[in-house]
Amino acid sequence: MSRKVNVSPPRRHRVAPVDRAPRHGLARVLSKLGVCSRTQAQALVRAGRVRVNEKIVLDPESPTDAKHDRITLDGEAIAAVEKVYVMLNKPRGYITTASDEQGRDTVYTLLQDGNFPWLAPVGRLDKASEGLLLFSNDSEWAAQLTDPESHLDKTYHVQIDVLPDTDLLQRLRAGVDDAGGILVAKSVRELRRGEKNAWLEIVLDEGRNRQIRRLLAAFDIEVLRLVRVAMGTLIVDDLAKGKWRVLTGEERAAMK
């Protein structure tokens, strides 16, 4: 009579999961590391200047693990750049771009003495506008501030060429249909007036292109000056025109 032998299945040893960072496109990884903008990163990759694990990668969307892959640019290893957050009081006449084909002054000429790494503007101000402009190489922080869903308040002081009455202020608050979209301000109030013009305080919680100028133009109002004085809790305050300063940790946290 044969004896039955119980054979237990072999015990499987649990393998600890590998700690891997999310894989993103190579251009996005370079941008998140604070090396350059995503557009600049795409150009660098397509030019064959970027290697991942010693291999040239030409596809900006190639999946890349920022934590474990070795990434080099022109042979130099890339590591996360220190995150920098800067406030500039932009003067009138400067354009918000890194370079200009027409040779016009750009906001980056005002940051030259800071010896900063690559920085991107967080939102924009057009050439004729002044005031608070932020820069950072922290793409996630910047995306949070510029996300339409954030509804971050942006406060402007605007000099106009008319003396507004109560009815005009109410119509500005109500907004206007412009090319199929509603242009509206969160709040509008008069600050002061002279003999022929007045200053308004206008608060926006969205960021459409030239929104204030288009809103006022719909009522045949000319903008004489437009100054952004605050974003969220951050106020340009006594920062001189053309000067910059680094944000404090408390200021960065409050902006979130």
Protein backbone atom coordinates (compact mmCIF):
# COMPACT_ATOMS: atom_id res chain seq x y z
CA MET A 1 0.00 0.00 0.00
CA SER A 2 1.50 3.30 -1.06
CA ARG A 3 1.73 6.21 1.33
CA LYS A 4 0.26 9.52 0.24
CA VAL A 5 2.71 12.33 0.38
CA ASN A 6 1.46 15.88 0.75
CA VAL A 7 3.44 18.13 -1.53
CA SER A 8 3.03 21.80 -0.72
CA PRO A 9 3.55 24.30 -3.51
CA PRO A 10 6.88 26.11 -3.28
CA ARG A 11 6.75 29.24 -1.21
CA ARG A 12 7.01 32.32 -3.30
CA HIS A 13 9.19 35.06 -1.99
CA ARG A 14 7.62 38.48 -2.24
CA VAL A 15 9.74 40.84 -4.26
CA ALA A 16 9.86 44.38 -2.96
CA PRO A 17 8.47 46.84 -5.52
CA VAL A 18 11.01 48.95 -7.30
CA ASP A 19 10.79 52.61 -6.36
CA ARG A 20 10.36 54.21 -9.74
CA ALA A 21 9.36 57.73 -10.58
CA PRO A 22 6.56 58.28 -13.10
CA ARG A 23 7.73 58.11 -16.70
CA HIS A 24 7.06 61.26 -18.72
CA GLY A 25 8.16 62.45 -22.13
CA LEU A 26 11.84 63.47 -22.21
CA ALA A 27 11.10 67.12 -23.05
CA ARG A 28 8.67 67.37 -20.15
CA VAL A 29 11.24 65.81 -17.80
CA LEU A 30 13.85 68.39 -18.80
CA SER A 31 11.33 71.16 -18.18
CA LYS A 32 10.27 69.75 -14.79
CA LEU A 33 13.92 69.54 -13.76
CA GLY A 34 14.14 73.29 -14.38
CA VAL A 35 16.69 73.04 -17.19
CA CYS A 36 14.71 74.91 -19.87
CA SER A 37 11.22 75.34 -21.25
CA ARG A 38 9.47 72.37 -22.84
CA THR A 39 9.71 74.02 -26.27
CA GLN A 40 13.45 74.54 -25.83
CA ALA A 41 13.79 70.95 -24.59
CA GLN A 42 12.05 69.62 -27.70
CA ALA A 43 14.57 71.49 -29.88
CA LEU A 44 17.52 70.17 -27.86
CA VAL A 45 16.29 66.59 -28.13
CA ARG A 46 15.62 66.78 -31.87
CA ALA A 47 19.11 68.24 -32.36
CA GLY A 48 20.62 65.09 -30.84
CA ARG A 49 22.13 66.91 -27.86
CA VAL A 50 20.39 64.81 -25.19
CA ARG A 51 21.32 61.26 -24.18
CA VAL A 52 19.41 58.92 -21.89
CA ASN A 53 21.50 56.10 -20.39
CA GLU A 54 24.29 56.93 -22.88
CA LYS A 55 21.99 56.68 -25.92
CA ILE A 56 21.01 59.65 -28.06
CA VAL A 57 17.24 60.15 -27.99
CA LEU A 58 15.63 62.12 -30.81
CA ASP A 59 11.98 61.78 -29.74
CA PRO A 60 10.93 64.50 -27.24
CA GLU A 61 8.04 62.26 -26.12
CA SER A 62 10.27 59.26 -25.36
CA PRO A 63 9.22 57.91 -21.89
CA THR A 64 11.86 58.83 -19.34
CA ASP A 65 12.29 58.15 -15.63
CA ALA A 66 13.69 61.33 -14.10
CA LYS A 67 14.75 59.54 -10.93
CA HIS A 68 16.58 56.52 -12.33
CA ASP A 69 17.58 57.30 -15.92
CA ARG A 70 20.89 59.05 -16.52
CA ILE A 71 20.24 62.11 -18.65
CA THR A 72 23.02 64.21 -20.20
CA LEU A 73 23.00 67.38 -22.27
CA ASP A 74 26.04 67.93 -24.47
CA GLY A 75 27.80 65.29 -22.39
CA GLU A 76 27.09 66.94 -19.03
CA ALA A 77 24.92 65.09 -16.52
CA ILE A 78 21.62 66.80 -15.77
CA ALA A 79 20.32 67.01 -12.24
CA ALA A 80 17.38 68.92 -10.80
CA VAL A 81 18.15 72.64 -10.75
CA GLU A 82 17.41 74.60 -7.60
CA LYS A 83 13.89 76.03 -7.83
CA VAL A 84 13.83 79.82 -8.10
CA TYR A 85 10.85 82.17 -7.65
CA VAL A 86 11.23 85.83 -8.62
CA MET A 87 8.98 88.89 -8.65
CA LEU A 88 9.71 91.71 -11.12
CA ASN A 89 8.14 95.17 -11.25
CA LYS A 90 7.95 95.39 -15.04
CA PRO A 91 8.28 98.87 -16.57
CA ARG A 92 6.34 99.91 -19.64
CA GLY A 93 8.05 99.21 -22.96
CA TYR A 94 9.50 95.75 -22.22
CA ILE A 95 8.14 92.63 -23.91
CA THR A 96 7.63 89.34 -22.08
CA THR A 97 9.82 87.04 -24.14
CA ALA A 98 13.35 85.65 -23.96
CA SER A 99 14.46 87.16 -27.27
CA ASP A 100 12.99 89.40 -29.92
CA GLU A 101 13.71 89.37 -33.65
CA GLN A 102 13.17 93.13 -33.80
CA GLY A 103 15.77 93.78 -31.11
CA ARG A 104 13.28 95.26 -28.62
CA ASP A 105 14.01 95.28 -24.90
CA THR A 106 12.78 92.15 -23.11
CA VAL A 107 12.04 91.55 -19.44
CA TYR A 108 15.04 89.23 -19.25
CA THR A 109 17.43 92.16 -19.60
CA LEU A 110 16.12 93.30 -16.20
CA LEU A 111 17.06 89.95 -14.61
CA GLN A 112 20.64 89.75 -15.92
CA ASP A 113 22.27 90.81 -12.67
CA GLY A 114 20.56 87.97 -10.80
CA ASN A 115 22.70 85.21 -12.38
CA PHE A 116 19.61 82.97 -12.38
CA PRO A 117 19.19 79.60 -14.08
CA TRP A 118 16.60 79.39 -16.86
CA LEU A 119 13.35 81.04 -15.73
CA ALA A 120 9.96 81.24 -17.42
CA PRO A 121 7.38 83.99 -16.95
CA VAL A 122 4.34 82.92 -14.95
CA GLY A 123 1.66 84.55 -17.09
CA ARG A 124 2.41 87.64 -19.15
CA LEU A 125 2.13 91.40 -19.41
CA ASP A 126 2.06 93.04 -22.83
CA LYS A 127 4.59 95.67 -23.88
CA ALA A 128 2.45 98.64 -22.80
CA SER A 129 1.51 97.13 -19.42
CA GLU A 130 3.41 97.49 -16.15
CA GLY A 131 3.69 95.94 -12.73
CA LEU A 132 3.90 92.56 -11.07
CA LEU A 133 5.36 89.76 -13.19
CA LEU A 134 6.49 86.41 -11.77
CA PHE A 135 9.24 84.09 -13.01
CA SER A 136 10.15 80.56 -11.98
CA ASN A 137 11.76 77.33 -13.17
CA ASP A 138 9.22 75.35 -11.11
CA SER A 139 6.83 74.34 -13.89
CA GLU A 140 4.34 72.66 -11.54
CA TRP A 141 4.06 75.75 -9.32
CA ALA A 142 3.64 77.96 -12.38
CA ALA A 143 0.98 75.67 -13.83
CA GLN A 144 -1.02 75.87 -10.61
CA LEU A 145 -1.04 79.66 -10.74
CA THR A 146 -1.98 79.90 -14.41
CA ASP A 147 -4.58 77.13 -14.38
CA PRO A 148 -7.98 78.73 -15.19
CA GLU A 149 -9.52 76.57 -12.48
CA SER A 150 -7.37 78.24 -9.81
CA HIS A 151 -9.31 81.55 -10.20
CA LEU A 152 -6.33 83.41 -8.78
CA ASP A 153 -7.23 87.08 -8.28
CA LYS A 154 -5.11 89.54 -10.27
CA THR A 155 -5.54 93.20 -9.35
CA TYR A 156 -4.89 96.04 -11.80
CA HIS A 157 -4.90 99.82 -11.54
CA VAL A 158 -6.05 101.23 -14.85
CA GLN A 159 -6.02 104.85 -16.00
CA ILE A 160 -8.78 105.55 -18.52
CA ASP A 161 -9.58 108.54 -20.74
CA VAL A 162 -13.12 109.15 -19.41
CA LEU A 163 -14.81 110.03 -16.14
CA PRO A 164 -16.99 107.00 -15.32
CA ASP A 165 -20.45 107.26 -13.80
CA THR A 166 -22.28 104.63 -11.75
CA ASP A 167 -23.99 103.21 -14.84
CA LEU A 168 -20.73 102.68 -16.70
CA LEU A 169 -19.12 100.94 -13.73
CA GLN A 170 -22.15 98.64 -13.46
CA ARG A 171 -21.99 97.78 -17.17
CA LEU A 172 -18.28 96.99 -16.85
CA ARG A 173 -19.06 94.65 -13.96
CA ALA A 174 -21.75 92.95 -16.04
CA GLY A 175 -19.29 92.30 -18.86
CA VAL A 176 -19.72 92.15 -22.62
CA ASP A 177 -19.96 89.49 -25.33
CA ASP A 178 -16.75 89.75 -27.37
CA ALA A 179 -16.33 87.48 -30.40
CA GLY A 180 -18.49 84.80 -28.84
CA GLY A 181 -16.90 84.94 -25.37
CA ILE A 182 -17.96 86.90 -22.32
CA LEU A 183 -15.40 89.40 -21.05
CA VAL A 184 -16.15 90.21 -17.44
CA ALA A 185 -14.25 91.47 -14.40
CA LYS A 186 -14.66 90.06 -10.91
CA SER A 187 -14.88 93.61 -9.56
CA VAL A 188 -14.52 97.19 -10.80
CA ARG A 189 -14.33 100.34 -8.68
CA GLU A 190 -13.14 103.89 -9.10
CA LEU A 191 -9.98 104.83 -7.23
CA ARG A 192 -9.66 108.52 -8.07
CA ARG A 193 -10.33 111.03 -10.83
CA GLY A 194 -8.91 114.18 -12.33
CA GLU A 195 -10.43 116.68 -14.71
CA LYS A 196 -10.37 114.45 -17.81
CA ASN A 197 -9.48 110.93 -16.74
CA ALA A 198 -9.81 108.49 -13.87
CA TRP A 199 -8.14 105.48 -12.28
CA LEU A 200 -10.05 102.23 -11.82
CA GLU A 201 -9.20 99.15 -9.79
CA ILE A 202 -10.13 96.05 -11.79
CA VAL A 203 -9.84 92.53 -10.40
CA LEU A 204 -9.78 89.49 -12.70
CA ASP A 205 -9.97 85.85 -11.68
CA GLU A 206 -9.30 84.51 -15.18
CA GLY A 207 -6.52 85.21 -17.64
CA ARG A 208 -7.76 85.91 -21.16
CA ASN A 209 -5.48 87.65 -23.63
CA ARG A 210 -5.62 91.47 -23.23
CA GLN A 211 -8.84 91.03 -21.32
CA ILE A 212 -8.99 94.46 -19.66
CA ARG A 213 -8.08 96.36 -22.82
CA ARG A 214 -10.70 94.46 -24.83
CA LEU A 215 -13.36 94.93 -22.15
CA LEU A 216 -12.81 98.68 -21.98
CA ALA A 217 -12.53 99.02 -25.77
CA ALA A 218 -16.01 97.52 -26.06
CA PHE A 219 -17.25 100.67 -24.31
CA ASP A 220 -15.02 103.00 -26.40
CA ILE A 221 -12.73 103.57 -23.42
CA GLU A 222 -9.01 104.07 -24.05
CA VAL A 223 -6.48 102.68 -21.60
CA LEU A 224 -3.82 105.26 -20.76
CA ARG A 225 -1.91 103.11 -18.26
CA LEU A 226 -2.38 99.56 -17.00
CA VAL A 227 -0.49 98.40 -13.91
CA ARG A 228 -0.80 94.97 -12.27
CA VAL A 229 -0.39 95.63 -8.55
CA ALA A 230 -1.18 92.20 -7.05
CA MET A 231 -1.57 88.49 -7.73
CA GLY A 232 -3.39 86.67 -4.98
CA THR A 233 -1.78 87.74 -1.70
CA LEU A 234 1.39 88.94 -3.43
CA ILE A 235 1.62 92.75 -3.78
CA VAL A 236 4.19 94.66 -5.83
CA ASP A 237 4.10 97.32 -3.09
CA ASP A 238 7.33 99.35 -2.83
CA LEU A 239 9.43 97.33 -5.29
CA ALA A 240 10.91 99.94 -7.66
CA LYS A 241 10.23 99.86 -11.40
CA GLY A 242 12.63 97.56 -13.21
CA LYS A 243 13.74 95.85 -9.98
CA TRP A 244 13.25 92.27 -8.85
CA ARG A 245 13.39 90.24 -5.67
CA VAL A 246 13.19 86.56 -4.73
CA LEU A 247 9.97 85.41 -3.09
CA THR A 248 10.05 84.12 0.47
CA GLY A 249 8.91 80.59 1.31
CA GLU A 250 5.82 82.01 3.00
CA GLU A 251 4.91 83.99 -0.13
CA ARG A 252 5.31 80.93 -2.37
CA ALA A 253 3.13 78.82 -0.10
CA ALA A 254 0.44 81.49 0.14
CA MET A 255 0.18 81.65 -3.65
CA LYS A 256 -0.91 78.01 -3.74
